[in-house]
Amino acid sequence: MSAEDVNYRARAGEAYRLWWQHDANWYQGVASRFGQEAANELNAEALRKVATHVGQRVGRLAGPLPATGDTHKDLEELRRRYDDCGDRMFPPELRNASTEVEDVTEQDGLIVLTLRRSFAITMVRMAGSLDGYRCPCTDIHAGWSEGLGVTLTENRAESCLRDGDKACRLLMRVRTPLAHDGTED
């Protein structure tokens, strides 16, 4: 097979799937040897570290946090940065997700991530580890937020694919204004 015959996009897709399969089986191995709680904790810790790195990279590429004086506009830009973080960690072929700004006050704004398909859940289910699996989504969002330099005042799942819901609905309430002078409220 020559270099011209290699479909690198297909190979990249296969590599994603193999790494996800590795992760799911690794998780199952940790759970069987050290317990489900240890597997959940290690998984969340590792993903938060990766997410923090991704958030820092997106932040460096995008520049300083927006401070236009228009909170809704600033939150829309932050929403786009969260989307970029998600696309870097979980390419679109591995998930079906969208974000939107839903609620804005002077103190904070709510960004909602809706996840309709997650390759991670599929792989954990295929590895036989779904029972007892705790989704690390809030840890991932905490990492992105830390990396982007924003403060979450709420970070929780309202619904979850893992629990059989039609979609994950993840709430990230962010302190506004996004750029602070270094003082706490």
Protein backbone atom coordinates (compact mmCIF):
# COMPACT_ATOMS: atom_id res chain seq x y z
CA MET A 1 0.00 0.00 0.00
CA SER A 2 1.47 3.35 -1.02
CA ALA A 3 1.19 6.58 0.96
CA GLU A 4 -1.37 7.81 -1.58
CA ASP A 5 -3.62 4.84 -0.78
CA VAL A 6 -3.76 5.56 2.95
CA ASN A 7 -6.92 7.24 4.17
CA TYR A 8 -5.51 9.22 7.09
CA ARG A 9 -8.89 10.53 8.19
CA ALA A 10 -10.20 6.95 8.47
CA ARG A 11 -7.07 5.96 10.37
CA ALA A 12 -7.50 8.88 12.75
CA GLY A 13 -11.10 7.81 13.35
CA GLU A 14 -9.95 4.28 14.03
CA ALA A 15 -7.29 5.57 16.43
CA TYR A 16 -9.93 7.55 18.34
CA ARG A 17 -12.08 4.48 18.64
CA LEU A 18 -9.17 2.30 19.76
CA TRP A 19 -8.12 4.82 22.42
CA TRP A 20 -11.68 5.12 23.66
CA GLN A 21 -11.86 1.33 23.78
CA HIS A 22 -8.57 1.32 25.69
CA ASP A 23 -9.92 3.89 28.15
CA ALA A 24 -13.14 1.96 28.71
CA ASN A 25 -11.23 -1.27 29.31
CA TRP A 26 -8.70 0.51 31.52
CA TYR A 27 -11.58 1.92 33.56
CA GLN A 28 -13.11 -1.56 33.84
CA GLY A 29 -9.76 -3.00 34.95
CA VAL A 30 -9.28 -0.36 37.66
CA ALA A 31 -12.87 -0.88 38.83
CA SER A 32 -12.45 -4.65 39.09
CA ARG A 33 -9.11 -4.45 40.92
CA PHE A 34 -9.53 -1.38 43.14
CA GLY A 35 -13.27 -0.67 43.14
CA GLN A 36 -15.72 1.46 41.22
CA GLU A 37 -15.14 4.56 43.33
CA ALA A 38 -11.39 4.47 42.66
CA ALA A 39 -12.02 4.11 38.91
CA ASN A 40 -14.46 7.04 38.94
CA GLU A 41 -12.07 9.24 40.94
CA LEU A 42 -9.04 8.49 38.75
CA ASN A 43 -11.05 8.97 35.56
CA ALA A 44 -12.42 12.33 36.75
CA GLU A 45 -9.00 13.50 37.96
CA ALA A 46 -7.27 12.61 34.70
CA LEU A 47 -9.98 14.19 32.55
CA ARG A 48 -9.99 17.39 34.62
CA LYS A 49 -6.23 17.74 34.08
CA VAL A 50 -6.62 17.24 30.33
CA ALA A 51 -9.58 19.66 30.27
CA THR A 52 -7.58 22.32 32.13
CA HIS A 53 -4.80 22.01 29.55
CA VAL A 54 -7.33 22.24 26.70
CA GLY A 55 -8.95 25.32 28.29
CA GLN A 56 -5.55 27.00 28.65
CA ARG A 57 -4.73 26.29 25.01
CA VAL A 58 -8.08 27.62 23.79
CA GLY A 59 -7.61 30.67 26.02
CA ARG A 60 -4.15 31.36 24.59
CA LEU A 61 -5.42 31.03 21.04
CA ALA A 62 -8.55 33.14 21.62
CA GLY A 63 -6.88 35.88 23.65
CA PRO A 64 -8.06 37.62 26.81
CA LEU A 65 -11.57 37.03 28.11
CA PRO A 66 -14.05 39.42 26.55
CA ALA A 67 -14.95 42.55 28.52
CA THR A 68 -17.22 44.51 26.19
CA GLY A 69 -19.60 45.65 28.90
CA ASP A 70 -22.36 43.62 27.22
CA THR A 71 -22.67 40.55 29.46
CA HIS A 72 -24.73 38.54 26.96
CA LYS A 73 -22.25 39.21 24.16
CA ASP A 74 -19.32 38.26 26.43
CA LEU A 75 -21.08 35.02 27.44
CA GLU A 76 -21.71 34.16 23.77
CA GLU A 77 -17.96 34.46 23.15
CA LEU A 78 -17.27 32.29 26.21
CA ARG A 79 -19.84 29.77 24.92
CA ARG A 80 -17.89 29.57 21.65
CA ARG A 81 -14.70 28.93 23.65
CA TYR A 82 -16.42 26.10 25.55
CA ASP A 83 -17.49 24.66 22.17
CA ASP A 84 -13.88 24.84 20.99
CA CYS A 85 -12.75 23.00 24.14
CA GLY A 86 -15.37 20.31 23.54
CA ASP A 87 -14.43 19.89 19.88
CA ARG A 88 -10.75 19.54 20.79
CA MET A 89 -11.39 16.84 23.39
CA PHE A 90 -14.30 15.08 21.69
CA PRO A 91 -14.43 15.59 17.91
CA PRO A 92 -17.92 15.90 16.40
CA GLU A 93 -17.82 12.36 14.99
CA LEU A 94 -17.64 11.09 18.59
CA ARG A 95 -20.44 13.17 20.06
CA ASN A 96 -23.47 15.28 19.25
CA ALA A 97 -23.47 18.40 21.40
CA SER A 98 -24.56 22.02 21.42
CA THR A 99 -24.31 24.93 23.83
CA GLU A 100 -26.41 27.99 24.44
CA VAL A 101 -26.57 30.93 26.79
CA GLU A 102 -29.88 30.69 28.64
CA ASP A 103 -29.93 33.09 31.56
CA VAL A 104 -27.96 36.27 32.19
CA THR A 105 -27.97 38.46 35.30
CA GLU A 106 -25.53 41.07 36.59
CA GLN A 107 -23.88 38.43 38.80
CA ASP A 108 -23.72 35.42 36.49
CA GLY A 109 -24.77 33.76 33.27
CA LEU A 110 -25.95 30.24 32.53
CA ILE A 111 -24.35 28.29 29.69
CA VAL A 112 -26.10 24.99 28.98
CA LEU A 113 -24.39 22.13 27.16
CA THR A 114 -26.76 19.55 25.67
CA LEU A 115 -25.15 16.24 24.75
CA ARG A 116 -27.33 13.93 22.63
CA ARG A 117 -24.71 11.27 21.87
CA SER A 118 -21.50 10.41 23.69
CA PHE A 119 -18.96 7.96 22.38
CA ALA A 120 -17.58 7.68 25.93
CA ILE A 121 -20.89 6.32 27.24
CA THR A 122 -21.09 3.94 24.28
CA MET A 123 -17.59 2.58 24.92
CA VAL A 124 -18.10 2.23 28.69
CA ARG A 125 -21.36 0.37 27.99
CA MET A 126 -19.58 -1.91 25.48
CA ALA A 127 -16.85 -2.64 28.05
CA GLY A 128 -19.54 -3.71 30.53
CA SER A 129 -18.77 -0.94 33.02
CA LEU A 130 -21.85 1.28 32.84
CA ASP A 131 -23.20 0.09 36.21
CA GLY A 132 -21.51 2.24 38.81
CA TYR A 133 -19.86 4.50 36.22
CA ARG A 134 -19.97 8.15 37.22
CA CYS A 135 -19.81 10.58 34.33
CA PRO A 136 -16.92 13.05 34.70
CA CYS A 137 -18.68 15.83 32.80
CA THR A 138 -18.68 18.33 35.66
CA ASP A 139 -14.97 17.66 36.23
CA ILE A 140 -14.31 18.32 32.54
CA HIS A 141 -16.27 21.59 32.69
CA ALA A 142 -14.43 22.63 35.85
CA GLY A 143 -11.14 22.01 34.03
CA TRP A 144 -12.18 23.97 30.94
CA SER A 145 -13.35 26.83 33.15
CA GLU A 146 -10.12 26.86 35.15
CA GLY A 147 -8.07 26.80 31.96
CA LEU A 148 -10.15 29.59 30.41
CA GLY A 149 -9.85 31.65 33.60
CA VAL A 150 -13.53 31.86 34.51
CA THR A 151 -15.27 31.14 37.80
CA LEU A 152 -18.15 28.67 37.91
CA THR A 153 -20.82 29.37 40.51
CA GLU A 154 -22.79 26.27 39.50
CA ASN A 155 -21.65 23.13 37.69
CA ARG A 156 -24.09 20.23 37.55
CA ALA A 157 -25.90 17.75 35.35
CA GLU A 158 -29.65 18.19 35.14
CA SER A 159 -30.05 14.99 33.07
CA CYS A 160 -27.64 12.31 31.82
CA LEU A 161 -27.43 9.80 28.96
CA ARG A 162 -25.83 7.38 31.39
CA ASP A 163 -29.09 7.32 33.37
CA GLY A 164 -31.14 6.62 30.24
CA ASP A 165 -32.19 10.22 29.59
CA LYS A 166 -32.51 11.32 25.95
CA ALA A 167 -29.70 13.84 26.46
CA CYS A 168 -27.29 15.18 29.01
CA ARG A 169 -28.21 18.70 30.04
CA LEU A 170 -25.22 20.22 31.79
CA LEU A 171 -25.49 23.57 33.55
CA MET A 172 -22.49 25.86 33.88
CA ARG A 173 -23.28 29.09 35.69
CA VAL A 174 -20.41 31.54 35.23
CA ARG A 175 -19.63 34.57 37.38
CA THR A 176 -19.87 37.85 35.46
CA PRO A 177 -18.29 40.04 34.42
CA LEU A 178 -15.92 37.46 32.97
CA ALA A 179 -12.81 39.63 33.38
CA HIS A 180 -12.20 40.62 37.01
CA ASP A 181 -9.81 43.06 38.62
CA GLY A 182 -8.51 40.36 40.95
CA THR A 183 -10.93 41.09 43.79
CA GLU A 184 -13.59 38.72 45.04
CA ASP A 185 -17.25 39.71 45.32
